[in-house]
N, C-alpha and C. Protein backbone atom coordinates (compact mmCIF):
# COMPACT_ATOMS: atom_id res chain seq x y z
N MET A 1 36.75 -43.23 -12.77
CA MET A 1 38.18 -43.20 -12.85
C MET A 1 38.72 -42.29 -11.77
N SER A 2 39.80 -42.72 -11.14
CA SER A 2 40.45 -41.90 -10.11
C SER A 2 41.34 -40.86 -10.76
N ARG A 3 41.67 -39.82 -9.98
CA ARG A 3 42.53 -38.76 -10.50
C ARG A 3 43.59 -38.43 -9.47
N ILE A 4 44.84 -38.27 -9.94
CA ILE A 4 45.96 -37.86 -9.09
C ILE A 4 46.54 -36.59 -9.69
N THR A 5 46.77 -35.58 -8.85
CA THR A 5 47.39 -34.34 -9.31
C THR A 5 48.90 -34.48 -9.17
N VAL A 6 49.62 -34.25 -10.27
CA VAL A 6 51.08 -34.39 -10.24
C VAL A 6 51.74 -33.04 -9.99
N ASP A 7 52.96 -33.09 -9.45
CA ASP A 7 53.69 -31.85 -9.23
C ASP A 7 54.33 -31.38 -10.54
N ASP A 8 54.88 -30.18 -10.52
CA ASP A 8 55.44 -29.59 -11.74
C ASP A 8 56.60 -30.40 -12.31
N SER A 9 57.38 -31.03 -11.44
CA SER A 9 58.53 -31.82 -11.90
C SER A 9 58.06 -33.02 -12.74
N LEU A 10 57.09 -33.76 -12.23
CA LEU A 10 56.58 -34.91 -12.97
C LEU A 10 55.84 -34.46 -14.23
N ARG A 11 55.10 -33.36 -14.11
CA ARG A 11 54.40 -32.82 -15.27
C ARG A 11 55.38 -32.53 -16.41
N ALA A 12 56.51 -31.94 -16.08
CA ALA A 12 57.52 -31.61 -17.09
C ALA A 12 58.05 -32.88 -17.76
N GLN A 13 58.19 -33.96 -17.00
CA GLN A 13 58.67 -35.22 -17.57
C GLN A 13 57.62 -35.86 -18.49
N LEU A 14 56.36 -35.67 -18.18
CA LEU A 14 55.29 -36.31 -18.95
C LEU A 14 54.91 -35.53 -20.20
N LEU A 15 55.11 -34.22 -20.18
CA LEU A 15 54.73 -33.39 -21.33
C LEU A 15 55.50 -33.80 -22.57
N GLY A 16 54.82 -33.89 -23.67
CA GLY A 16 55.48 -34.20 -24.93
C GLY A 16 55.69 -35.67 -25.20
N LEU A 17 55.33 -36.52 -24.25
CA LEU A 17 55.47 -37.95 -24.48
C LEU A 17 54.44 -38.42 -25.49
N ARG A 18 54.80 -39.41 -26.28
CA ARG A 18 53.88 -39.98 -27.25
C ARG A 18 53.88 -41.49 -27.05
N GLY A 19 52.73 -42.04 -26.93
CA GLY A 19 52.63 -43.49 -26.72
C GLY A 19 52.63 -43.84 -25.24
N LYS A 20 52.33 -45.09 -24.97
CA LYS A 20 52.21 -45.58 -23.61
C LYS A 20 53.58 -45.61 -22.93
N VAL A 21 53.62 -45.21 -21.64
CA VAL A 21 54.85 -45.15 -20.87
C VAL A 21 54.63 -45.89 -19.56
N GLU A 22 55.63 -46.70 -19.15
CA GLU A 22 55.57 -47.35 -17.85
C GLU A 22 56.05 -46.39 -16.78
N LEU A 23 55.35 -46.32 -15.67
CA LEU A 23 55.77 -45.53 -14.51
C LEU A 23 56.31 -46.51 -13.48
N CYS A 24 57.57 -46.30 -13.06
CA CYS A 24 58.24 -47.21 -12.13
C CYS A 24 58.71 -46.45 -10.89
N ASP A 25 58.87 -47.20 -9.78
CA ASP A 25 59.46 -46.59 -8.59
C ASP A 25 60.98 -46.64 -8.69
N SER A 26 61.68 -46.19 -7.65
CA SER A 26 63.14 -46.11 -7.69
C SER A 26 63.81 -47.49 -7.75
N LYS A 27 63.06 -48.55 -7.42
CA LYS A 27 63.61 -49.91 -7.48
C LYS A 27 63.27 -50.61 -8.79
N GLY A 28 62.57 -49.89 -9.69
CA GLY A 28 62.23 -50.48 -10.98
C GLY A 28 60.90 -51.21 -11.01
N LYS A 29 60.17 -51.21 -9.89
CA LYS A 29 58.86 -51.87 -9.85
C LYS A 29 57.86 -51.03 -10.65
N ILE A 30 57.17 -51.67 -11.57
CA ILE A 30 56.19 -50.96 -12.38
C ILE A 30 54.97 -50.62 -11.52
N LEU A 31 54.63 -49.34 -11.52
CA LEU A 31 53.48 -48.86 -10.76
C LEU A 31 52.22 -48.80 -11.62
N GLY A 32 52.42 -48.57 -12.91
CA GLY A 32 51.29 -48.44 -13.81
C GLY A 32 51.74 -47.92 -15.15
N HIS A 33 50.78 -47.51 -15.93
CA HIS A 33 51.05 -47.00 -17.27
C HIS A 33 50.43 -45.62 -17.43
N PHE A 34 51.10 -44.81 -18.22
CA PHE A 34 50.61 -43.47 -18.52
C PHE A 34 50.37 -43.41 -20.02
N LEU A 35 49.18 -42.96 -20.41
CA LEU A 35 48.83 -42.81 -21.81
C LEU A 35 48.50 -41.35 -22.05
N PRO A 36 49.41 -40.61 -22.73
CA PRO A 36 49.16 -39.19 -22.96
C PRO A 36 47.95 -38.98 -23.86
N VAL A 37 47.32 -37.83 -23.70
CA VAL A 37 46.18 -37.49 -24.54
C VAL A 37 46.53 -36.32 -25.43
N ASP A 38 45.85 -36.25 -26.55
CA ASP A 38 45.97 -35.10 -27.44
C ASP A 38 45.12 -34.00 -26.83
N GLU A 39 45.73 -32.90 -26.46
CA GLU A 39 45.02 -31.83 -25.75
C GLU A 39 43.87 -31.24 -26.56
N THR A 40 43.90 -31.32 -27.88
CA THR A 40 42.83 -30.72 -28.67
C THR A 40 41.59 -31.59 -28.69
N THR A 41 41.75 -32.90 -28.53
CA THR A 41 40.60 -33.80 -28.62
C THR A 41 40.32 -34.54 -27.32
N ARG A 42 41.29 -34.53 -26.41
CA ARG A 42 41.20 -35.28 -25.15
C ARG A 42 41.06 -36.78 -25.40
N LEU A 43 41.58 -37.25 -26.52
CA LEU A 43 41.59 -38.67 -26.84
C LEU A 43 43.04 -39.13 -26.93
N PRO A 44 43.30 -40.45 -26.86
CA PRO A 44 44.67 -40.91 -27.05
C PRO A 44 45.24 -40.40 -28.37
N HIS A 45 46.52 -40.15 -28.39
CA HIS A 45 47.19 -39.61 -29.57
C HIS A 45 47.05 -40.57 -30.75
N PRO A 46 46.75 -40.08 -31.94
CA PRO A 46 46.55 -40.96 -33.10
C PRO A 46 47.78 -41.78 -33.47
N ASP A 47 48.96 -41.33 -33.10
CA ASP A 47 50.17 -42.09 -33.41
C ASP A 47 50.34 -43.32 -32.53
N ASP A 48 49.43 -43.51 -31.57
CA ASP A 48 49.51 -44.70 -30.73
C ASP A 48 49.27 -45.96 -31.55
N GLY A 49 48.71 -45.80 -32.72
CA GLY A 49 48.59 -46.93 -33.63
C GLY A 49 47.19 -47.50 -33.72
N CYS A 50 46.71 -47.57 -34.90
CA CYS A 50 45.44 -48.21 -35.21
C CYS A 50 45.77 -49.56 -35.83
N PRO A 51 45.05 -50.60 -35.47
CA PRO A 51 45.38 -51.92 -36.04
C PRO A 51 45.00 -52.07 -37.51
N TYR A 52 44.34 -51.08 -38.09
CA TYR A 52 43.88 -51.16 -39.47
C TYR A 52 44.60 -50.14 -40.34
N THR A 53 44.80 -50.51 -41.60
CA THR A 53 45.40 -49.59 -42.55
C THR A 53 44.33 -48.60 -43.01
N THR A 54 44.76 -47.52 -43.64
CA THR A 54 43.82 -46.53 -44.18
C THR A 54 42.90 -47.18 -45.20
N GLU A 55 43.45 -48.06 -46.01
CA GLU A 55 42.64 -48.73 -47.03
C GLU A 55 41.57 -49.61 -46.38
N GLU A 56 41.93 -50.31 -45.30
CA GLU A 56 40.95 -51.16 -44.61
C GLU A 56 39.83 -50.31 -44.01
N LEU A 57 40.18 -49.18 -43.41
CA LEU A 57 39.17 -48.31 -42.82
C LEU A 57 38.22 -47.77 -43.88
N GLN A 58 38.76 -47.41 -45.04
CA GLN A 58 37.91 -46.93 -46.13
C GLN A 58 36.99 -48.04 -46.62
N ARG A 59 37.50 -49.26 -46.71
CA ARG A 59 36.68 -50.40 -47.13
C ARG A 59 35.56 -50.66 -46.11
N PHE A 60 35.89 -50.57 -44.82
CA PHE A 60 34.88 -50.78 -43.78
C PHE A 60 33.74 -49.78 -43.92
N GLN A 61 34.06 -48.53 -44.25
CA GLN A 61 33.04 -47.50 -44.40
C GLN A 61 32.10 -47.79 -45.56
N GLN A 62 32.57 -48.48 -46.57
CA GLN A 62 31.77 -48.76 -47.76
C GLN A 62 30.94 -50.04 -47.64
N GLU A 63 31.25 -50.86 -46.64
CA GLU A 63 30.52 -52.11 -46.48
C GLU A 63 29.07 -51.85 -46.10
N THR A 64 28.20 -52.68 -46.59
CA THR A 64 26.77 -52.60 -46.26
C THR A 64 26.37 -53.91 -45.60
N GLY A 65 25.19 -53.93 -45.05
CA GLY A 65 24.69 -55.15 -44.44
C GLY A 65 24.76 -55.06 -42.93
N GLY A 66 24.72 -56.23 -42.34
CA GLY A 66 24.75 -56.29 -40.88
C GLY A 66 23.38 -56.59 -40.31
N ARG A 67 23.31 -56.62 -38.99
CA ARG A 67 22.05 -56.91 -38.30
C ARG A 67 21.85 -55.88 -37.19
N TYR A 68 20.60 -55.69 -36.84
CA TYR A 68 20.28 -54.85 -35.70
C TYR A 68 20.70 -55.58 -34.42
N LEU A 69 21.03 -54.82 -33.38
CA LEU A 69 21.42 -55.41 -32.12
C LEU A 69 20.34 -56.33 -31.57
N SER A 70 19.09 -55.96 -31.73
CA SER A 70 18.00 -56.80 -31.22
C SER A 70 18.00 -58.18 -31.89
N GLU A 71 18.37 -58.23 -33.18
CA GLU A 71 18.46 -59.50 -33.89
C GLU A 71 19.62 -60.34 -33.37
N ILE A 72 20.73 -59.67 -33.06
CA ILE A 72 21.89 -60.39 -32.52
C ILE A 72 21.54 -60.99 -31.16
N TRP A 73 20.87 -60.20 -30.29
CA TRP A 73 20.49 -60.71 -28.98
C TRP A 73 19.54 -61.90 -29.12
N LYS A 74 18.58 -61.78 -30.02
CA LYS A 74 17.63 -62.87 -30.23
C LYS A 74 18.37 -64.14 -30.67
N GLY A 75 19.32 -64.00 -31.58
CA GLY A 75 20.11 -65.16 -32.03
C GLY A 75 20.94 -65.77 -30.91
N LEU A 76 21.47 -64.95 -30.04
CA LEU A 76 22.26 -65.47 -28.91
C LEU A 76 21.40 -66.22 -27.91
N GLN A 77 20.16 -65.82 -27.75
CA GLN A 77 19.26 -66.48 -26.79
C GLN A 77 18.85 -67.87 -27.29
N GLN A 78 18.92 -68.08 -28.60
CA GLN A 78 18.51 -69.37 -29.16
C GLN A 78 19.60 -70.43 -29.03
N THR A 79 20.83 -70.02 -28.71
CA THR A 79 21.91 -71.01 -28.61
C THR A 79 22.12 -71.49 -27.21
């Protein structure tokens, strides 16, 4: 991943943002997207949204079963 050092003015604008933000030039052309990180974990902020409800995540944790990756690869080679 590339890294760009921003000046203090842009840093001030980016601090405190939550969620994905479009970065545009003065003509409105989108240059890219900025995704703030939670400074304590260095991961995207949890409020960015998980596609699953708390109940679904708890249910996923309780599920059993599945296959080893080697079994999945073997099955894919047979098709």
